[in-house]
Amino acid sequence: MDTSHEKFRQRYLESLTQTINPAVIDYLIISHTEPDHSGLVRDVLALAPQATVVGSKVAIQFLEDMVHQPFPRQIVKNGDRLDLGNGHELEFVIAPNLHWPDTIFTYDTKTQVLYTCDAFGMHYCNEQIFDQDLALIEADFRYYYDCLMGPNARSVLAALKRMEQLESIATIATGHGPLLRHNVQELTNRYHQWSQAQAKAETTVAVFYISDYGFGDRLSQAIAHGVMKTGVAVEMMDLKSADPHEVKELVSLAAGLVIGTPPTNEVAIQTAISTILATAKAKQSVGVFESGGVDSESVYPLVNKFRDLGLTPAFPPIIIKETPTAATYQLCEEAGTDLGQWLSRDRSIKQMKAFDTELEKAVARLSSGLYILTAERDDLTGAMVASWVSQTSFKPLGITVAVAKDRAMESLLHVGDRFVLNILEEGKSQALIKHFLKRFAPGSDRFAGVKTYSVNNAPVLAEALAYLECQVVSRMECSDHWIVYSTIQSGRVSKTEGLTAVHHRKIGNHY
């Protein structure tokens, strides 16, 4: 089942040859051709040239470009079976776009194990092989879904429907993180619930990328994640394997378009770009990013073509001049959030006007303090004005902060992250509030022109009345906010005479 990334060549091949004689391998099943699953296919075939490679039609096409030599192959479709003997009959489930265009699941009827490659996985690792401690993994399970599966919610629902045709699933063997055995029904139900909510969104953004070119897949996922934080749906499509009719259909229903620049020498991909241009409408928003490949087409001719068609630029072109860093992916996520907020602005205004007058006046009587959260992780920094803050526990000392899902700062407030709660002073907070409430361009420095100093690598505002250094312990999802519970690691009062700034609202349905 799959291979590994080429950077683990020595470790993987040593483990393989110590476990089994490659000469007896009959089949090599490739769930999808993302490099961390297929990077050593050529090496394995050199050791086992007799092995038949099993995969979807698109996967076999991709492998031909990767292996550059003839190899035995078997293309499988949804419902196809492969009898291995001794009661082991494999049934294949076609699951494209989860999260690669050529994905298949494989079900062993004897063991009732479903091999799902990326789906139902998480970037989490400890000594436990299985998912017996649900509380330990559920935050990572959700975050992985949001980043990799959520942008293809309709594809997730289609795969879940095909899974219903299988016999009882005892174990889901994912390609990342613990295997699912103790909470299979619960976690698959969560995928269904999250995907249904995403698929029902009124507004959709189409993200076109090339999965196996440059850094296109990860950059596009970051943009898609940013869009989804605003409640706008995303449909991702790989231009290399896309049918022109599917491209046309997706462009027609989308309110916004995002395109990763393709290589200039790929005729099929250039044809897909031409289809996008021919179908695009003047009312749509558009964003373009470089995929980071050696021979990428320049973003500017493509941007100019969309501008000539009357489309609204969603964010400035994203230029990749070197290997993307965490800051690059943050820039992409913020660009996606800007696009989603622009497309959902009418919905937000409508929601603000929907409250009963007396009710909104009553809710507004809930007063709160004024604070600024600041954080730094690796080369990422962030800041936001916060007013929904409350002490929540004595032992240990803990607070909760309500963070809107579409805030850029939200990505720096996951379990284990550290941040500083800067407490503002009454009568002396307006300049800081005004600065941090303004709209920042994606990737821009939130602290430019603001006096700060560092405590344990966390930025503290010099003008704050006091500060608390906190670490995120857990998160609870609400409809439009995350409730972030954090323990207080340290703190200091800078001005003993001052009082905390207080926020009083006139209406209760927005800040």
Protein backbone atom coordinates (compact mmCIF):
# COMPACT_ATOMS: atom_id res chain seq x y z
CA MET A 1 0.00 0.00 0.00
CA ASP A 2 1.78 3.12 -1.28
CA THR A 3 5.47 3.87 -0.80
CA SER A 4 7.06 6.87 0.91
CA HIS A 5 8.67 10.23 0.25
CA GLU A 6 12.06 10.12 -1.44
CA LYS A 7 13.69 11.89 1.51
CA PHE A 8 13.07 8.69 3.53
CA ARG A 9 14.51 6.45 0.80
CA GLN A 10 17.15 4.66 2.86
CA ARG A 11 14.97 4.11 5.92
CA TYR A 12 11.97 2.96 3.89
CA LEU A 13 13.85 0.56 1.60
CA GLU A 14 15.78 -0.95 4.53
CA SER A 15 12.54 -1.54 6.41
CA LEU A 16 10.90 -3.03 3.32
CA THR A 17 13.69 -5.45 2.48
CA GLN A 18 14.07 -6.51 6.12
CA THR A 19 10.35 -7.30 6.29
CA ILE A 20 9.79 -9.09 2.97
CA ASN A 21 11.65 -10.32 -0.08
CA PRO A 22 10.59 -7.83 -2.80
CA ALA A 23 10.71 -10.66 -5.36
CA VAL A 24 7.45 -12.07 -3.92
CA ILE A 25 5.46 -8.81 -4.14
CA ASP A 26 2.52 -9.26 -6.54
CA TYR A 27 0.82 -5.88 -6.30
CA LEU A 28 1.77 -2.31 -5.42
CA ILE A 29 -1.41 -0.33 -4.75
CA ILE A 30 -1.06 3.44 -5.10
CA SER A 31 -3.80 5.35 -3.29
CA HIS A 32 -2.69 8.59 -4.99
CA THR A 33 0.47 10.07 -6.45
CA GLU A 34 1.23 12.83 -3.93
CA PRO A 35 5.03 12.61 -3.34
CA ASP A 36 4.76 11.43 0.28
CA HIS A 37 2.84 8.36 -0.94
CA SER A 38 4.45 7.67 -4.32
CA GLY A 39 7.94 9.15 -4.14
CA LEU A 40 9.63 5.71 -4.09
CA VAL A 41 7.51 3.84 -6.64
CA ARG A 42 10.43 3.72 -9.05
CA ASP A 43 12.74 2.36 -6.33
CA VAL A 44 10.26 -0.34 -5.31
CA LEU A 45 9.76 -1.39 -8.93
CA ALA A 46 13.53 -1.67 -9.32
CA LEU A 47 13.44 -4.24 -6.49
CA ALA A 48 10.17 -5.84 -7.61
CA PRO A 49 9.87 -5.43 -11.39
CA GLN A 50 7.27 -8.20 -11.51
CA ALA A 51 4.81 -6.28 -9.29
CA THR A 52 1.65 -4.93 -10.87
CA VAL A 53 0.93 -1.30 -10.00
CA VAL A 54 -2.75 -0.80 -9.15
CA GLY A 55 -4.34 2.64 -9.25
CA SER A 56 -6.96 4.89 -10.79
CA LYS A 57 -6.64 5.89 -14.43
CA VAL A 58 -5.35 9.34 -13.52
CA ALA A 59 -2.84 7.87 -11.02
CA ILE A 60 -1.37 5.57 -13.66
CA GLN A 61 -1.04 8.53 -16.04
CA PHE A 62 0.78 10.55 -13.38
CA LEU A 63 3.06 7.59 -12.56
CA GLU A 64 4.10 7.26 -16.20
CA ASP A 65 5.49 10.79 -15.98
CA MET A 66 7.23 9.97 -12.68
CA VAL A 67 8.71 6.51 -13.38
CA HIS A 68 9.74 7.05 -17.03
CA GLN A 69 9.82 3.33 -17.81
CA PRO A 70 7.29 0.61 -18.67
CA PHE A 71 5.74 -1.20 -15.71
CA PRO A 72 2.90 -3.73 -15.23
CA ARG A 73 -0.30 -1.85 -14.35
CA GLN A 74 -3.96 -2.42 -13.53
CA ILE A 75 -6.41 0.46 -13.72
CA VAL A 76 -9.33 0.13 -11.30
CA LYS A 77 -12.73 1.81 -11.21
CA ASN A 78 -15.23 2.20 -8.39
CA GLY A 79 -16.48 -1.22 -7.21
CA ASP A 80 -13.72 -3.22 -8.94
CA ARG A 81 -12.34 -6.15 -6.93
CA LEU A 82 -8.97 -7.85 -6.72
CA ASP A 83 -8.77 -11.37 -5.22
CA LEU A 84 -5.52 -11.88 -3.28
CA GLY A 85 -6.46 -15.37 -2.05
CA ASN A 86 -6.99 -16.69 1.47
CA GLY A 87 -10.21 -14.69 1.75
CA HIS A 88 -8.56 -11.33 1.12
CA GLU A 89 -10.53 -9.64 -1.64
CA LEU A 90 -9.85 -5.97 -2.17
CA GLU A 91 -12.65 -3.65 -3.26
CA PHE A 92 -11.77 -0.21 -4.62
CA VAL A 93 -13.60 3.05 -3.96
CA ILE A 94 -12.90 5.98 -6.26
CA ALA A 95 -12.51 9.13 -4.11
CA PRO A 96 -11.09 11.89 -6.33
CA ASN A 97 -9.90 15.16 -4.78
CA LEU A 98 -9.37 13.76 -1.28
CA HIS A 99 -7.18 15.60 -1.45
CA TRP A 100 -5.50 14.56 -4.73
CA PRO A 101 -7.28 14.17 -8.09
CA ASP A 102 -6.40 10.47 -8.44
CA THR A 103 -7.32 9.14 -4.98
CA ILE A 104 -8.74 5.68 -4.35
CA PHE A 105 -9.69 3.90 -1.11
CA THR A 106 -9.03 0.16 -0.75
CA TYR A 107 -11.21 -2.15 1.37
CA ASP A 108 -10.12 -5.63 2.50
CA THR A 109 -13.30 -7.71 2.87
CA LYS A 110 -11.63 -10.23 5.21
CA THR A 111 -10.12 -7.87 7.77
CA GLN A 112 -12.74 -5.12 7.19
CA VAL A 113 -9.91 -2.58 7.00
CA LEU A 114 -10.46 0.44 4.76
CA TYR A 115 -7.22 2.08 3.57
CA THR A 116 -8.04 5.75 2.98
CA CYS A 117 -4.63 7.39 2.37
CA ASP A 118 -5.16 11.06 3.38
CA ALA A 119 -8.86 11.02 4.29
CA PHE A 120 -9.69 10.75 8.02
CA GLY A 121 -6.04 11.41 8.87
CA MET A 122 -4.30 14.01 11.01
CA HIS A 123 -0.80 15.34 11.49
CA TYR A 124 -0.49 13.82 14.94
CA CYS A 125 1.93 11.22 16.26
CA ASN A 126 2.53 9.57 19.62
CA GLU A 127 3.11 6.03 20.89
CA GLN A 128 -0.52 4.98 20.42
CA ILE A 129 -1.28 3.17 17.17
CA PHE A 130 -5.05 3.53 17.48
CA ASP A 131 -7.56 6.25 18.38
CA GLN A 132 -8.54 5.06 21.85
CA ASP A 133 -8.17 8.56 23.35
CA LEU A 134 -10.55 10.67 21.29
CA ALA A 135 -10.06 13.82 23.36
CA LEU A 136 -6.35 13.70 22.61
CA ILE A 137 -6.74 13.75 18.84
CA GLU A 138 -10.00 15.49 17.98
CA ALA A 139 -8.51 19.00 17.69
CA ASP A 140 -5.90 17.73 15.21
CA PHE A 141 -8.55 15.67 13.40
CA ARG A 142 -10.67 18.80 12.84
CA TYR A 143 -7.74 21.01 11.86
CA TYR A 144 -6.57 18.45 9.28
CA TYR A 145 -10.09 18.25 7.85
CA ASP A 146 -10.38 22.04 7.62
CA CYS A 147 -7.06 22.36 5.78
CA LEU A 148 -7.12 19.36 3.44
CA MET A 149 -10.63 17.92 3.12
CA GLY A 150 -12.98 20.85 3.70
CA PRO A 151 -12.07 22.55 0.40
CA ASN A 152 -13.56 19.51 -1.34
CA ALA A 153 -16.64 19.02 0.83
CA ARG A 154 -18.80 17.76 -2.04
CA SER A 155 -16.14 15.18 -2.91
CA VAL A 156 -16.05 14.10 0.75
CA LEU A 157 -19.82 13.52 0.70
CA ALA A 158 -19.53 11.52 -2.53
CA ALA A 159 -16.82 9.32 -1.01
CA LEU A 160 -18.85 8.77 2.16
CA LYS A 161 -21.83 7.70 0.05
CA ARG A 162 -19.67 5.15 -1.78
CA MET A 163 -18.32 3.90 1.56
CA GLU A 164 -21.90 3.06 2.59
CA GLN A 165 -21.89 0.29 -0.04
CA LEU A 166 -19.07 -1.53 1.74
CA GLU A 167 -19.54 -4.15 4.43
CA SER A 168 -18.95 -3.14 8.04
CA ILE A 169 -15.76 -1.09 8.42
CA ALA A 170 -13.85 -2.22 11.50
CA THR A 171 -10.74 -0.09 10.99
CA ILE A 172 -9.83 2.94 8.91
CA ALA A 173 -6.12 2.78 8.08
CA THR A 174 -5.16 6.36 7.30
CA GLY A 175 -1.89 7.47 5.76
CA HIS A 176 -1.28 10.04 8.50
CA GLY A 177 -1.79 9.76 12.24
CA PRO A 178 -3.31 6.95 14.34
CA LEU A 179 -5.50 4.25 12.79
CA LEU A 180 -9.19 4.62 13.58
CA ARG A 181 -10.72 1.61 15.33
CA HIS A 182 -12.45 2.80 18.50
CA ASN A 183 -14.30 5.83 17.06
CA VAL A 184 -14.89 4.95 13.40
CA GLN A 185 -18.59 5.83 13.37
CA GLU A 186 -18.15 9.01 15.39
CA LEU A 187 -15.33 10.38 13.25
CA THR A 188 -16.89 9.49 9.89
CA ASN A 189 -20.11 11.15 11.11
CA ARG A 190 -18.11 14.29 11.86
CA TYR A 191 -16.78 14.32 8.28
CA HIS A 192 -20.37 14.04 7.05
CA GLN A 193 -21.64 16.81 9.32
CA TRP A 194 -18.81 19.24 8.49
CA SER A 195 -19.02 18.55 4.75
CA GLN A 196 -22.79 18.99 4.63
CA ALA A 197 -22.47 22.39 6.32
CA GLN A 198 -19.75 23.44 3.88
CA ALA A 199 -21.58 22.14 0.80
CA LYS A 200 -24.74 24.09 1.75
CA ALA A 201 -22.92 27.43 1.74
CA GLU A 202 -24.59 29.93 -0.58
CA THR A 203 -21.36 31.26 -2.08
CA THR A 204 -18.56 29.22 -3.67
CA VAL A 205 -14.98 29.98 -4.67
CA ALA A 206 -13.29 27.83 -7.31
CA VAL A 207 -9.59 27.21 -6.70
CA PHE A 208 -7.67 25.89 -9.72
CA TYR A 209 -4.18 24.48 -9.17
CA ILE A 210 -1.72 21.86 -10.45
CA SER A 211 -1.16 19.24 -7.76
CA ASP A 212 2.23 17.92 -8.85
CA TYR A 213 3.81 21.18 -9.97
CA GLY A 214 5.89 23.51 -7.81
CA PHE A 215 4.21 24.24 -4.49
CA GLY A 216 0.80 24.62 -6.09
CA ASP A 217 -1.02 22.12 -3.91
CA ARG A 218 0.02 23.54 -0.53
CA LEU A 219 -0.33 27.17 -1.59
CA SER A 220 -3.82 26.52 -2.95
CA GLN A 221 -4.82 24.69 0.25
CA ALA A 222 -3.71 27.67 2.35
CA ILE A 223 -5.81 30.04 0.23
CA ALA A 224 -8.77 27.65 0.37
CA HIS A 225 -8.50 27.38 4.16
CA GLY A 226 -8.57 31.17 4.44
CA VAL A 227 -11.70 31.36 2.27
CA MET A 228 -13.48 28.68 4.29
CA LYS A 229 -12.86 30.55 7.57
CA THR A 230 -15.41 33.12 6.35
CA GLY A 231 -18.17 30.55 5.78
CA VAL A 232 -17.74 30.60 2.00
CA ALA A 233 -17.51 27.20 0.29
CA VAL A 234 -14.52 26.11 -1.79
CA GLU A 235 -14.27 23.72 -4.71
CA MET A 236 -10.73 22.77 -5.75
CA MET A 237 -9.86 21.42 -9.18
CA ASP A 238 -6.56 20.12 -10.52
CA LEU A 239 -6.08 21.61 -13.98
CA LYS A 240 -3.89 18.72 -15.09
CA SER A 241 -6.67 16.15 -14.84
CA ALA A 242 -9.74 18.38 -15.22
CA ASP A 243 -12.27 17.78 -17.96
CA PRO A 244 -13.00 21.03 -19.90
CA HIS A 245 -16.73 20.58 -19.28
CA GLU A 246 -16.12 20.29 -15.51
CA VAL A 247 -13.95 23.42 -15.61
CA LYS A 248 -16.67 25.34 -17.42
CA GLU A 249 -19.36 24.14 -15.01
CA LEU A 250 -17.34 25.09 -11.91
CA VAL A 251 -16.45 28.55 -13.24
CA SER A 252 -20.12 29.17 -14.05
CA LEU A 253 -21.34 28.53 -10.48
CA ALA A 254 -18.45 30.24 -8.62
CA ALA A 255 -18.60 33.77 -7.22
CA GLY A 256 -14.80 33.91 -6.99
CA LEU A 257 -11.91 32.34 -8.89
CA VAL A 258 -8.37 31.58 -7.70
CA ILE A 259 -5.78 30.30 -10.17
CA GLY A 260 -2.28 28.99 -9.66
CA THR A 261 -0.05 29.82 -12.61
CA PRO A 262 0.71 26.75 -14.73
CA PRO A 263 3.90 25.75 -16.55
CA THR A 264 4.07 27.45 -19.93
CA ASN A 265 4.74 24.20 -21.85
CA GLU A 266 1.70 22.17 -20.75
CA VAL A 267 -0.81 22.31 -23.62
CA ALA A 268 -3.66 20.58 -21.74
CA ILE A 269 -3.35 22.95 -18.79
CA GLN A 270 -3.19 26.00 -21.03
CA THR A 271 -6.39 24.75 -22.67
CA ALA A 272 -8.03 24.60 -19.23
CA ILE A 273 -6.89 28.18 -18.52
CA SER A 274 -8.43 29.26 -21.82
CA THR A 275 -11.71 27.60 -20.77
CA ILE A 276 -11.66 29.54 -17.49
CA LEU A 277 -11.09 32.82 -19.35
CA ALA A 278 -13.86 32.05 -21.84
CA THR A 279 -16.37 31.25 -19.07
CA ALA A 280 -15.48 33.91 -16.48
CA LYS A 281 -18.03 36.67 -15.83
CA ALA A 282 -17.49 40.33 -15.00
CA LYS A 283 -19.21 40.07 -11.58
CA GLN A 284 -16.74 37.50 -10.30
CA SER A 285 -13.72 38.19 -8.08
CA VAL A 286 -10.37 36.69 -9.02
CA GLY A 287 -6.97 36.06 -7.47
CA VAL A 288 -3.78 34.65 -9.01
CA PHE A 289 -0.77 33.08 -7.31
CA GLU A 290 2.50 31.69 -8.58
CA SER A 291 2.84 27.94 -8.17
CA GLY A 292 6.58 28.23 -7.56
CA GLY A 293 7.67 25.99 -10.44
CA VAL A 294 10.79 26.60 -12.50
CA ASP A 295 8.95 27.47 -15.71
CA SER A 296 5.75 29.00 -14.28
CA GLU A 297 3.83 31.37 -16.47
CA SER A 298 4.06 34.93 -15.13
CA VAL A 299 1.08 35.99 -13.05
CA TYR A 300 0.77 39.40 -14.66
CA PRO A 301 -0.45 38.46 -18.17
CA LEU A 302 -3.11 36.27 -16.54
CA VAL A 303 -4.12 39.06 -14.12
CA ASN A 304 -4.37 41.51 -17.00
CA LYS A 305 -6.59 39.13 -18.99
CA PHE A 306 -9.03 38.85 -16.09
CA ARG A 307 -8.94 42.61 -15.54
CA ASP A 308 -9.78 43.16 -19.22
CA LEU A 309 -12.78 40.86 -18.76
CA GLY A 310 -14.01 43.10 -15.95
CA LEU A 311 -13.35 40.77 -13.00
CA THR A 312 -12.60 42.30 -9.59
CA PRO A 313 -9.11 41.55 -8.16
CA ALA A 314 -9.61 39.78 -4.81
CA PHE A 315 -6.04 40.24 -3.60
CA PRO A 316 -2.71 41.38 -5.08
CA PRO A 317 -0.90 38.69 -7.11
CA ILE A 318 1.07 36.37 -4.83
CA ILE A 319 4.65 36.07 -6.07
CA ILE A 320 6.82 33.13 -4.98
CA LYS A 321 10.51 33.96 -5.34
CA GLU A 322 11.91 31.22 -3.09
CA THR A 323 10.85 28.12 -1.19
CA PRO A 324 7.64 29.02 0.67
CA THR A 325 7.94 29.59 4.42
CA ALA A 326 5.31 29.62 7.15
CA ALA A 327 4.92 33.35 6.46
CA THR A 328 4.20 32.59 2.79
CA TYR A 329 1.39 30.22 3.70
CA GLN A 330 0.05 32.76 6.20
CA LEU A 331 -0.01 35.36 3.42
CA CYS A 332 -1.98 32.90 1.23
CA GLU A 333 -4.44 32.14 4.02
CA GLU A 334 -5.01 35.85 4.70
CA ALA A 335 -5.52 36.48 0.99
CA GLY A 336 -8.18 33.76 0.94
CA THR A 337 -9.87 35.29 3.98
CA ASP A 338 -9.94 38.70 2.28
CA LEU A 339 -11.63 37.11 -0.73
CA GLY A 340 -14.18 35.29 1.43
CA GLN A 341 -15.00 38.41 3.45
CA TRP A 342 -15.52 40.43 0.27
CA LEU A 343 -17.87 37.81 -1.18
CA SER A 344 -19.85 37.44 2.06
CA ARG A 345 -20.16 41.15 2.85
CA ASP A 346 -23.85 41.33 1.85
CA ARG A 347 -24.64 38.33 4.04
CA SER A 348 -22.83 39.92 7.00
CA ILE A 349 -24.76 43.19 6.62
CA LYS A 350 -28.03 41.26 6.39
CA GLN A 351 -27.23 39.37 9.60
CA MET A 352 -26.47 42.63 11.42
CA LYS A 353 -29.92 43.97 10.50
CA ALA A 354 -31.73 40.77 11.46
CA PHE A 355 -31.82 41.29 15.25
CA ASP A 356 -34.90 42.43 17.11
CA THR A 357 -34.34 46.01 18.31
CA GLU A 358 -35.07 45.34 21.99
CA LEU A 359 -33.05 42.15 21.99
CA GLU A 360 -29.97 43.79 20.48
CA LYS A 361 -30.20 46.64 23.00
CA ALA A 362 -30.38 44.14 25.84
CA VAL A 363 -27.42 42.08 24.58
CA ALA A 364 -25.40 45.29 24.24
CA ARG A 365 -25.62 45.78 28.01
CA LEU A 366 -23.02 43.02 28.38
CA SER A 367 -19.91 45.11 28.93
CA SER A 368 -16.37 43.84 28.43
CA GLY A 369 -12.77 44.91 28.72
CA LEU A 370 -10.52 45.92 25.85
CA TYR A 371 -7.46 43.86 25.05
CA ILE A 372 -5.04 43.14 22.25
CA LEU A 373 -3.84 39.59 21.67
CA THR A 374 -0.34 39.27 20.24
CA ALA A 375 1.51 36.11 19.18
CA GLU A 376 4.64 34.94 17.46
CA ARG A 377 5.45 31.46 16.19
CA ASP A 378 8.59 30.81 14.12
CA ASP A 379 8.50 33.59 11.50
CA LEU A 380 4.76 34.22 11.97
CA THR A 381 3.34 37.13 13.97
CA GLY A 382 -0.20 38.20 14.63
CA ALA A 383 -2.35 40.61 16.62
CA MET A 384 -6.04 41.36 17.10
CA VAL A 385 -8.32 43.50 19.24
CA ALA A 386 -10.34 41.34 21.66
CA SER A 387 -13.18 42.25 23.99
CA TRP A 388 -14.80 38.87 24.71
CA VAL A 389 -12.28 37.78 27.37
CA SER A 390 -13.08 36.24 30.74
CA GLN A 391 -11.24 34.58 33.60
CA THR A 392 -12.43 30.99 33.64
CA SER A 393 -10.50 29.09 36.34
CA PHE A 394 -8.42 29.57 39.51
CA LYS A 395 -6.43 26.32 39.56
CA PRO A 396 -4.77 26.64 37.21
CA LEU A 397 -5.30 30.30 36.44
CA GLY A 398 -7.09 30.32 33.11
CA ILE A 399 -8.99 32.55 30.70
CA THR A 400 -11.22 32.13 27.68
CA VAL A 401 -11.11 34.29 24.57
CA ALA A 402 -13.76 34.29 21.85
CA VAL A 403 -12.10 34.56 18.44
CA ALA A 404 -14.08 35.01 15.23
CA LYS A 405 -13.42 32.21 12.78
CA ASP A 406 -12.35 34.57 10.02
CA ARG A 407 -9.68 36.36 12.08
CA ALA A 408 -6.13 35.92 10.78
CA MET A 409 -5.01 35.55 14.40
CA GLU A 410 -7.09 32.38 14.73
CA SER A 411 -4.39 30.32 13.00
CA LEU A 412 -1.95 31.20 15.82
CA LEU A 413 -4.31 30.10 18.60
CA HIS A 414 -4.32 26.31 18.34
CA VAL A 415 -3.65 23.88 21.18
CA GLY A 416 -0.10 24.36 22.47
CA ASP A 417 0.34 27.84 20.98
CA ARG A 418 1.40 30.73 23.23
CA PHE A 419 0.12 34.29 23.09
CA VAL A 420 0.10 37.50 25.13
CA LEU A 421 -3.07 39.18 26.36
CA ASN A 422 -2.26 42.90 26.48
CA ILE A 423 -4.67 44.67 28.86
CA LEU A 424 -5.39 48.24 27.68
CA GLU A 425 -5.64 51.28 29.91
CA GLU A 426 -8.77 53.37 30.26
CA GLY A 427 -8.50 56.69 28.40
CA LYS A 428 -5.23 55.74 26.72
CA SER A 429 -6.20 52.92 24.37
CA GLN A 430 -7.65 54.70 21.34
CA ALA A 431 -4.44 54.89 19.31
CA LEU A 432 -3.72 51.17 19.75
CA ILE A 433 -7.34 50.21 19.07
CA LYS A 434 -7.42 52.30 15.91
CA HIS A 435 -4.14 50.79 14.69
CA PHE A 436 -5.11 47.16 15.21
CA LEU A 437 -8.67 47.56 13.95
CA LYS A 438 -7.59 48.84 10.55
CA ARG A 439 -7.64 46.47 7.60
CA PHE A 440 -4.19 45.00 6.95
CA ALA A 441 -3.06 43.78 3.55
CA PRO A 442 -2.35 40.01 3.45
CA GLY A 443 1.06 39.24 4.92
CA SER A 444 1.69 42.78 6.20
CA ASP A 445 3.42 43.58 9.51
CA ARG A 446 0.78 44.27 12.19
CA PHE A 447 3.37 45.83 14.50
CA ALA A 448 4.83 48.45 12.15
CA GLY A 449 5.02 51.76 14.07
CA VAL A 450 3.99 50.18 17.40
CA LYS A 451 6.38 50.01 20.37
CA THR A 452 6.84 46.44 21.59
CA TYR A 453 9.28 44.39 23.62
CA SER A 454 9.73 40.64 23.78
CA VAL A 455 8.92 38.27 26.66
CA ASN A 456 9.78 34.62 25.97
CA ASN A 457 9.71 35.40 22.23
CA ALA A 458 6.19 36.86 22.49
CA PRO A 459 5.52 40.51 21.56
CA VAL A 460 4.25 42.70 24.43
CA LEU A 461 2.84 46.18 23.74
CA ALA A 462 4.88 48.81 25.57
CA GLU A 463 1.78 50.95 26.25
CA ALA A 464 -0.27 48.11 27.78
CA LEU A 465 -1.53 48.53 31.35
CA ALA A 466 -0.61 44.90 32.07
CA TYR A 467 0.01 41.68 30.20
CA LEU A 468 -0.63 37.96 30.68
CA GLU A 469 1.42 35.32 28.91
CA CYS A 470 -0.89 32.40 28.05
CA GLN A 471 -0.82 28.94 26.46
CA VAL A 472 -3.78 27.43 24.61
CA VAL A 473 -5.11 24.27 26.27
CA SER A 474 -8.34 23.62 24.35
CA ARG A 475 -10.78 25.09 21.83
CA MET A 476 -14.55 24.82 21.56
CA GLU A 477 -16.31 25.57 18.31
CA CYS A 478 -19.32 27.89 18.29
CA SER A 479 -21.28 28.97 15.23
CA ASP A 480 -19.10 31.92 14.23
CA HIS A 481 -16.39 31.94 16.93
CA TRP A 482 -13.86 29.67 18.56
CA ILE A 483 -13.79 29.72 22.36
CA VAL A 484 -10.10 29.38 23.25
CA TYR A 485 -9.30 28.26 26.79
CA SER A 486 -5.75 29.03 27.91
CA THR A 487 -3.75 28.79 31.11
CA ILE A 488 -1.79 31.82 32.33
CA GLN A 489 1.96 31.19 32.48
CA SER A 490 3.12 34.61 33.73
CA GLY A 491 2.04 38.23 33.94
CA ARG A 492 3.00 41.72 35.00
CA VAL A 493 1.37 45.06 35.77
CA SER A 494 3.17 47.91 34.00
CA LYS A 495 1.15 50.79 35.48
CA THR A 496 -0.18 50.31 39.01
CA GLU A 497 -2.52 53.32 38.96
CA GLY A 498 -4.41 52.68 35.72
CA LEU A 499 -7.82 51.02 35.17
CA THR A 500 -8.73 48.56 32.45
CA ALA A 501 -10.39 50.05 29.37
CA VAL A 502 -14.03 48.98 29.08
CA HIS A 503 -16.10 48.49 25.93
CA HIS A 504 -19.82 49.42 25.90
CA ARG A 505 -21.80 48.60 22.75
CA LYS A 506 -24.95 50.25 21.43
CA ILE A 507 -26.22 47.10 19.72
CA GLY A 508 -25.48 43.48 20.45
CA ASN A 509 -25.22 41.83 17.03
CA HIS A 510 -21.71 42.95 16.16
CA TYR A 511 -18.62 44.31 17.90
